[in-house]
Amino acid sequence: MGRPRQYATASARQAAYWQRMKATTVLVDRAPFARIDHALITLQDALWRARLRGHPLAHALYQTTPVETLEAAAAWILTQTQQSALMCDDEQRPDATKKGRHAKL
């Protein structure tokens, strides 16, 4: 005897598939994504070159992947601003939920 059917109909199976796809994927515009990808690779390359020349900030920020480099840069900036007591108030902070320059990716 085979295993019991998980879905009653083919349309139920297809609906479940699209629900899983919607939950795990994001639609993006290709051109802005390509610009961001190129900028990240350029940043990674610039930090790598500066690191070879012995720049101390590049040593602190350079990581294996561009995403890790951005995370290191954000952590470094937060540390610097906390040490300098220059943290802005929440009212001055850009709203990450709005569309535009500070929108979440």
C-alpha atoms as a PDB file:
ATOM      1  CA  MET A   1       0.000   0.000   0.000  1.00  0.00           C
ATOM      2  CA  GLY A   2       1.326   3.411  -0.951  1.00  0.00           C
ATOM      3  CA  ARG A   3       1.447   6.459   1.222  1.00  0.00           C
ATOM      4  CA  PRO A   4      -1.746   8.495   1.656  1.00  0.00           C
ATOM      5  CA  ARG A   5      -2.244  11.537  -0.531  1.00  0.00           C
ATOM      6  CA  GLN A   6      -1.226  14.804   1.076  1.00  0.00           C
ATOM      7  CA  TYR A   7      -3.552  16.892  -1.100  1.00  0.00           C
ATOM      8  CA  ALA A   8      -7.051  15.999  -2.217  1.00  0.00           C
ATOM      9  CA  THR A   9      -6.706  17.518  -5.683  1.00  0.00           C
ATOM     10  CA  ALA A  10      -4.056  18.775  -8.041  1.00  0.00           C
ATOM     11  CA  SER A  11      -5.322  22.333  -7.565  1.00  0.00           C
ATOM     12  CA  ALA A  12      -4.899  22.014  -3.771  1.00  0.00           C
ATOM     13  CA  ARG A  13      -1.325  20.787  -4.315  1.00  0.00           C
ATOM     14  CA  GLN A  14      -0.636  23.708  -6.679  1.00  0.00           C
ATOM     15  CA  ALA A  15      -2.129  26.214  -4.203  1.00  0.00           C
ATOM     16  CA  ALA A  16       0.085  24.835  -1.420  1.00  0.00           C
ATOM     17  CA  TYR A  17       3.123  25.101  -3.697  1.00  0.00           C
ATOM     18  CA  TRP A  18       2.450  28.776  -4.481  1.00  0.00           C
ATOM     19  CA  GLN A  19       1.821  29.507  -0.816  1.00  0.00           C
ATOM     20  CA  ARG A  20       5.245  28.027   0.047  1.00  0.00           C
ATOM     21  CA  MET A  21       6.855  29.988  -2.785  1.00  0.00           C
ATOM     22  CA  LYS A  22       5.262  33.229  -1.603  1.00  0.00           C
ATOM     23  CA  ALA A  23       6.511  32.611   1.944  1.00  0.00           C
ATOM     24  CA  THR A  24      10.113  31.937   0.899  1.00  0.00           C
ATOM     25  CA  THR A  25      10.800  34.227  -2.062  1.00  0.00           C
ATOM     26  CA  VAL A  26      10.831  37.956  -2.733  1.00  0.00           C
ATOM     27  CA  LEU A  27      10.218  39.788  -5.983  1.00  0.00           C
ATOM     28  CA  VAL A  28      12.781  42.477  -6.769  1.00  0.00           C
ATOM     29  CA  ASP A  29      13.401  44.785  -9.682  1.00  0.00           C
ATOM     30  CA  ARG A  30      16.454  43.563 -11.545  1.00  0.00           C
ATOM     31  CA  ALA A  31      18.101  46.963 -12.239  1.00  0.00           C
ATOM     32  CA  PRO A  32      18.187  48.270  -8.629  1.00  0.00           C
ATOM     33  CA  PHE A  33      19.278  44.847  -7.394  1.00  0.00           C
ATOM     34  CA  ALA A  34      22.096  44.764  -9.952  1.00  0.00           C
ATOM     35  CA  ARG A  35      23.244  48.242  -8.822  1.00  0.00           C
ATOM     36  CA  ILE A  36      23.304  47.158  -5.183  1.00  0.00           C
ATOM     37  CA  ASP A  37      25.134  43.958  -6.058  1.00  0.00           C
ATOM     38  CA  HIS A  38      27.727  45.870  -8.088  1.00  0.00           C
ATOM     39  CA  ALA A  39      28.176  48.435  -5.294  1.00  0.00           C
ATOM     40  CA  LEU A  40      28.729  45.681  -2.722  1.00  0.00           C
ATOM     41  CA  ILE A  41      31.318  43.976  -4.897  1.00  0.00           C
ATOM     42  CA  THR A  42      33.052  47.315  -5.514  1.00  0.00           C
ATOM     43  CA  LEU A  43      33.104  48.020  -1.764  1.00  0.00           C
ATOM     44  CA  GLN A  44      34.515  44.575  -1.056  1.00  0.00           C
ATOM     45  CA  ASP A  45      37.211  45.044  -3.697  1.00  0.00           C
ATOM     46  CA  ALA A  46      38.133  48.528  -2.421  1.00  0.00           C
ATOM     47  CA  LEU A  47      38.432  47.244   1.139  1.00  0.00           C
ATOM     48  CA  TRP A  48      40.536  44.321  -0.008  1.00  0.00           C
ATOM     49  CA  ARG A  49      42.940  46.659  -1.843  1.00  0.00           C
ATOM     50  CA  ALA A  50      43.123  49.056   1.121  1.00  0.00           C
ATOM     51  CA  ARG A  51      43.735  46.119   3.435  1.00  0.00           C
ATOM     52  CA  LEU A  52      46.680  45.011   1.310  1.00  0.00           C
ATOM     53  CA  ARG A  53      48.120  48.511   1.701  1.00  0.00           C
ATOM     54  CA  GLY A  54      47.751  48.253   5.483  1.00  0.00           C
ATOM     55  CA  HIS A  55      44.830  50.621   6.058  1.00  0.00           C
ATOM     56  CA  PRO A  56      43.631  49.976   9.641  1.00  0.00           C
ATOM     57  CA  LEU A  57      39.940  50.625   8.949  1.00  0.00           C
ATOM     58  CA  ALA A  58      40.008  48.226   6.008  1.00  0.00           C
ATOM     59  CA  HIS A  59      41.493  45.565   8.307  1.00  0.00           C
ATOM     60  CA  ALA A  60      38.633  46.143  10.741  1.00  0.00           C
ATOM     61  CA  LEU A  61      35.869  46.077   8.116  1.00  0.00           C
ATOM     62  CA  TYR A  62      36.944  43.528   5.516  1.00  0.00           C
ATOM     63  CA  GLN A  63      35.082  40.245   5.831  1.00  0.00           C
ATOM     64  CA  THR A  64      34.653  37.163   3.661  1.00  0.00           C
ATOM     65  CA  THR A  65      31.394  38.218   2.020  1.00  0.00           C
ATOM     66  CA  PRO A  66      29.973  41.640   1.119  1.00  0.00           C
ATOM     67  CA  VAL A  67      27.042  41.108   3.505  1.00  0.00           C
ATOM     68  CA  GLU A  68      29.426  40.372   6.389  1.00  0.00           C
ATOM     69  CA  THR A  69      31.413  43.473   5.402  1.00  0.00           C
ATOM     70  CA  LEU A  70      28.252  45.602   5.623  1.00  0.00           C
ATOM     71  CA  GLU A  71      27.436  44.097   9.007  1.00  0.00           C
ATOM     72  CA  ALA A  72      30.975  44.842  10.211  1.00  0.00           C
ATOM     73  CA  ALA A  73      30.725  48.413   8.889  1.00  0.00           C
ATOM     74  CA  ALA A  74      27.395  48.940  10.657  1.00  0.00           C
ATOM     75  CA  ALA A  75      28.806  47.538  13.905  1.00  0.00           C
ATOM     76  CA  TRP A  76      31.906  49.741  13.605  1.00  0.00           C
ATOM     77  CA  ILE A  77      29.833  52.869  12.939  1.00  0.00           C
ATOM     78  CA  LEU A  78      27.509  52.109  15.866  1.00  0.00           C
ATOM     79  CA  THR A  79      30.493  51.584  18.148  1.00  0.00           C
ATOM     80  CA  GLN A  80      32.050  54.866  17.030  1.00  0.00           C
ATOM     81  CA  THR A  81      28.853  56.838  17.479  1.00  0.00           C
ATOM     82  CA  GLN A  82      28.182  55.314  20.888  1.00  0.00           C
ATOM     83  CA  GLN A  83      31.703  56.185  21.973  1.00  0.00           C
ATOM     84  CA  SER A  84      31.263  59.729  20.675  1.00  0.00           C
ATOM     85  CA  ALA A  85      27.767  60.059  22.170  1.00  0.00           C
ATOM     86  CA  LEU A  86      26.446  61.140  18.774  1.00  0.00           C
ATOM     87  CA  MET A  87      23.538  58.746  18.639  1.00  0.00           C
ATOM     88  CA  CYS A  88      20.552  60.457  17.096  1.00  0.00           C
ATOM     89  CA  ASP A  89      17.114  60.428  18.700  1.00  0.00           C
ATOM     90  CA  ASP A  90      14.530  57.980  17.406  1.00  0.00           C
ATOM     91  CA  GLU A  91      12.588  60.911  15.920  1.00  0.00           C
ATOM     92  CA  GLN A  92      15.577  61.804  13.734  1.00  0.00           C
ATOM     93  CA  ARG A  93      16.212  58.242  12.594  1.00  0.00           C
ATOM     94  CA  PRO A  94      15.063  57.487   9.037  1.00  0.00           C
ATOM     95  CA  ASP A  95      12.012  55.256   8.957  1.00  0.00           C
ATOM     96  CA  ALA A  96      13.128  51.965   7.426  1.00  0.00           C
ATOM     97  CA  THR A  97       9.568  51.034   6.578  1.00  0.00           C
ATOM     98  CA  LYS A  98       9.122  53.881   4.102  1.00  0.00           C
ATOM     99  CA  LYS A  99      10.019  53.421   0.468  1.00  0.00           C
ATOM    100  CA  GLY A 100      13.087  55.214  -0.723  1.00  0.00           C
ATOM    101  CA  ARG A 101      16.723  55.449   0.185  1.00  0.00           C
ATOM    102  CA  HIS A 102      16.394  53.773   3.591  1.00  0.00           C
ATOM    103  CA  ALA A 103      13.912  51.066   2.651  1.00  0.00           C
ATOM    104  CA  LYS A 104      14.616  47.559   3.805  1.00  0.00           C
ATOM    105  CA  LEU A 105      15.777  45.191   1.089  1.00  0.00           C
END
